[in-house]
Amino acid sequence: MQRYLAVLDQPDWRNAVRAGIGPTSNFFAWFADHVAARLRLGAFSDLAESDER
């Protein structure tokens, strides 16, 4: 599992996610809160943290 998470934490994957899913979409909010938070996916946590500031 750690190998898969390491791939998902790569800058290229983060950039692809951010380009494909708008942070204001309902899916983004649901996925960030329920899935990405548990997996600690940086593509979502970085944006969520910047929105809180």
N, C-alpha and C. Protein backbone atom coordinates (compact mmCIF):
# COMPACT_ATOMS: atom_id res chain seq x y z
N MET A 1 0.82 -1.19 0.00
CA MET A 1 0.00 0.00 0.00
C MET A 1 0.87 1.26 0.00
N GLN A 2 1.99 1.23 0.72
CA GLN A 2 2.85 2.41 0.79
C GLN A 2 3.40 2.80 -0.58
N ARG A 3 3.65 1.81 -1.41
CA ARG A 3 4.16 2.11 -2.76
C ARG A 3 3.13 2.89 -3.57
N TYR A 4 1.88 2.48 -3.46
CA TYR A 4 0.81 3.19 -4.18
C TYR A 4 0.66 4.62 -3.67
N LEU A 5 0.70 4.77 -2.36
CA LEU A 5 0.58 6.10 -1.79
C LEU A 5 1.76 6.98 -2.16
N ALA A 6 2.94 6.40 -2.28
CA ALA A 6 4.11 7.17 -2.70
C ALA A 6 3.94 7.70 -4.12
N VAL A 7 3.36 6.90 -4.98
CA VAL A 7 3.09 7.35 -6.35
C VAL A 7 2.08 8.50 -6.34
N LEU A 8 1.05 8.37 -5.53
CA LEU A 8 0.02 9.41 -5.47
C LEU A 8 0.53 10.70 -4.83
N ASP A 9 1.66 10.64 -4.19
CA ASP A 9 2.23 11.82 -3.57
C ASP A 9 3.24 12.53 -4.46
N GLN A 10 3.47 12.02 -5.65
CA GLN A 10 4.42 12.63 -6.58
C GLN A 10 3.85 13.94 -7.14
N PRO A 11 4.70 14.92 -7.38
CA PRO A 11 4.23 16.22 -7.90
C PRO A 11 3.44 16.10 -9.20
N ASP A 12 3.83 15.19 -10.10
CA ASP A 12 3.09 15.05 -11.36
C ASP A 12 1.65 14.62 -11.12
N TRP A 13 1.45 13.68 -10.19
CA TRP A 13 0.10 13.22 -9.89
C TRP A 13 -0.69 14.33 -9.21
N ARG A 14 -0.07 15.02 -8.28
CA ARG A 14 -0.76 16.14 -7.61
C ARG A 14 -1.21 17.18 -8.62
N ASN A 15 -0.34 17.53 -9.55
CA ASN A 15 -0.68 18.52 -10.57
C ASN A 15 -1.83 18.05 -11.46
N ALA A 16 -1.81 16.77 -11.82
CA ALA A 16 -2.89 16.22 -12.66
C ALA A 16 -4.22 16.28 -11.92
N VAL A 17 -4.23 15.94 -10.65
CA VAL A 17 -5.46 15.99 -9.86
C VAL A 17 -5.97 17.41 -9.76
N ARG A 18 -5.06 18.32 -9.46
CA ARG A 18 -5.47 19.71 -9.29
C ARG A 18 -5.98 20.31 -10.59
N ALA A 19 -5.43 19.88 -11.72
CA ALA A 19 -5.90 20.38 -13.01
C ALA A 19 -7.25 19.81 -13.39
N GLY A 20 -7.53 18.58 -12.93
CA GLY A 20 -8.76 17.91 -13.33
C GLY A 20 -9.95 18.09 -12.42
N ILE A 21 -9.71 18.49 -11.18
CA ILE A 21 -10.82 18.62 -10.23
C ILE A 21 -10.74 20.00 -9.59
N GLY A 22 -11.78 20.77 -9.78
CA GLY A 22 -11.81 22.10 -9.18
C GLY A 22 -12.07 22.02 -7.69
N PRO A 23 -11.33 22.79 -6.90
CA PRO A 23 -11.49 22.74 -5.45
C PRO A 23 -12.86 23.21 -4.95
N THR A 24 -13.66 23.79 -5.83
CA THR A 24 -15.00 24.22 -5.41
C THR A 24 -16.08 23.19 -5.76
N SER A 25 -15.70 22.09 -6.39
CA SER A 25 -16.69 21.08 -6.77
C SER A 25 -17.15 20.27 -5.57
N ASN A 26 -18.35 19.74 -5.64
CA ASN A 26 -18.89 18.89 -4.57
C ASN A 26 -18.04 17.63 -4.41
N PHE A 27 -17.60 17.07 -5.54
CA PHE A 27 -16.79 15.86 -5.46
C PHE A 27 -15.49 16.13 -4.72
N PHE A 28 -14.85 17.26 -5.01
CA PHE A 28 -13.59 17.59 -4.34
C PHE A 28 -13.80 17.65 -2.83
N ALA A 29 -14.83 18.33 -2.40
CA ALA A 29 -15.09 18.46 -0.96
C ALA A 29 -15.33 17.10 -0.32
N TRP A 30 -16.17 16.27 -0.96
CA TRP A 30 -16.46 14.94 -0.40
C TRP A 30 -15.19 14.09 -0.37
N PHE A 31 -14.48 14.03 -1.49
CA PHE A 31 -13.29 13.18 -1.58
C PHE A 31 -12.21 13.64 -0.61
N ALA A 32 -11.99 14.93 -0.53
CA ALA A 32 -10.97 15.47 0.37
C ALA A 32 -11.29 15.14 1.83
N ASP A 33 -12.56 15.25 2.20
CA ASP A 33 -12.95 15.00 3.59
C ASP A 33 -13.01 13.53 3.95
N HIS A 34 -13.42 12.68 3.02
CA HIS A 34 -13.67 11.28 3.36
C HIS A 34 -12.61 10.28 2.91
N VAL A 35 -11.97 10.54 1.82
CA VAL A 35 -11.01 9.57 1.29
C VAL A 35 -9.58 10.10 1.41
N ALA A 36 -9.34 11.25 0.83
CA ALA A 36 -7.99 11.80 0.81
C ALA A 36 -7.44 12.07 2.21
N ALA A 37 -8.30 12.48 3.11
CA ALA A 37 -7.84 12.75 4.48
C ALA A 37 -7.33 11.48 5.14
N ARG A 38 -8.04 10.38 4.95
CA ARG A 38 -7.61 9.11 5.55
C ARG A 38 -6.31 8.61 4.95
N LEU A 39 -6.13 8.84 3.65
CA LEU A 39 -4.92 8.39 2.97
C LEU A 39 -3.80 9.43 3.02
N ARG A 40 -4.13 10.60 3.53
CA ARG A 40 -3.17 11.71 3.61
C ARG A 40 -2.60 12.05 2.23
N LEU A 41 -3.50 12.20 1.27
CA LEU A 41 -3.09 12.55 -0.09
C LEU A 41 -2.81 14.04 -0.18
N GLY A 42 -1.57 14.35 -0.47
CA GLY A 42 -1.14 15.74 -0.49
C GLY A 42 -1.82 16.60 -1.53
N ALA A 43 -2.25 16.02 -2.63
CA ALA A 43 -2.91 16.80 -3.67
C ALA A 43 -4.17 17.47 -3.13
N PHE A 44 -4.77 16.88 -2.13
CA PHE A 44 -5.98 17.43 -1.54
C PHE A 44 -5.70 18.18 -0.25
N SER A 45 -4.83 17.65 0.57
CA SER A 45 -4.58 18.29 1.86
C SER A 45 -3.92 19.65 1.69
N ASP A 46 -3.02 19.77 0.73
CA ASP A 46 -2.36 21.06 0.50
C ASP A 46 -3.38 22.14 0.14
N LEU A 47 -4.32 21.81 -0.73
CA LEU A 47 -5.32 22.78 -1.13
C LEU A 47 -6.30 23.07 -0.02
N ALA A 48 -6.69 22.05 0.72
CA ALA A 48 -7.63 22.25 1.83
C ALA A 48 -7.01 23.15 2.88
N GLU A 49 -5.73 22.97 3.17
CA GLU A 49 -5.05 23.80 4.16
C GLU A 49 -4.96 25.25 3.69
N SER A 50 -4.71 25.47 2.40
CA SER A 50 -4.59 26.82 1.90
C SER A 50 -5.94 27.52 1.89
N ASP A 51 -7.03 26.76 1.74
CA ASP A 51 -8.38 27.34 1.78
C ASP A 51 -8.75 27.78 3.18
N GLU A 52 -8.19 27.13 4.21
CA GLU A 52 -8.53 27.44 5.58
C GLU A 52 -7.87 28.73 6.06
N ARG A 53 -6.83 29.15 5.41
CA ARG A 53 -6.08 30.33 5.85
C ARG A 53 -6.72 31.61 5.43
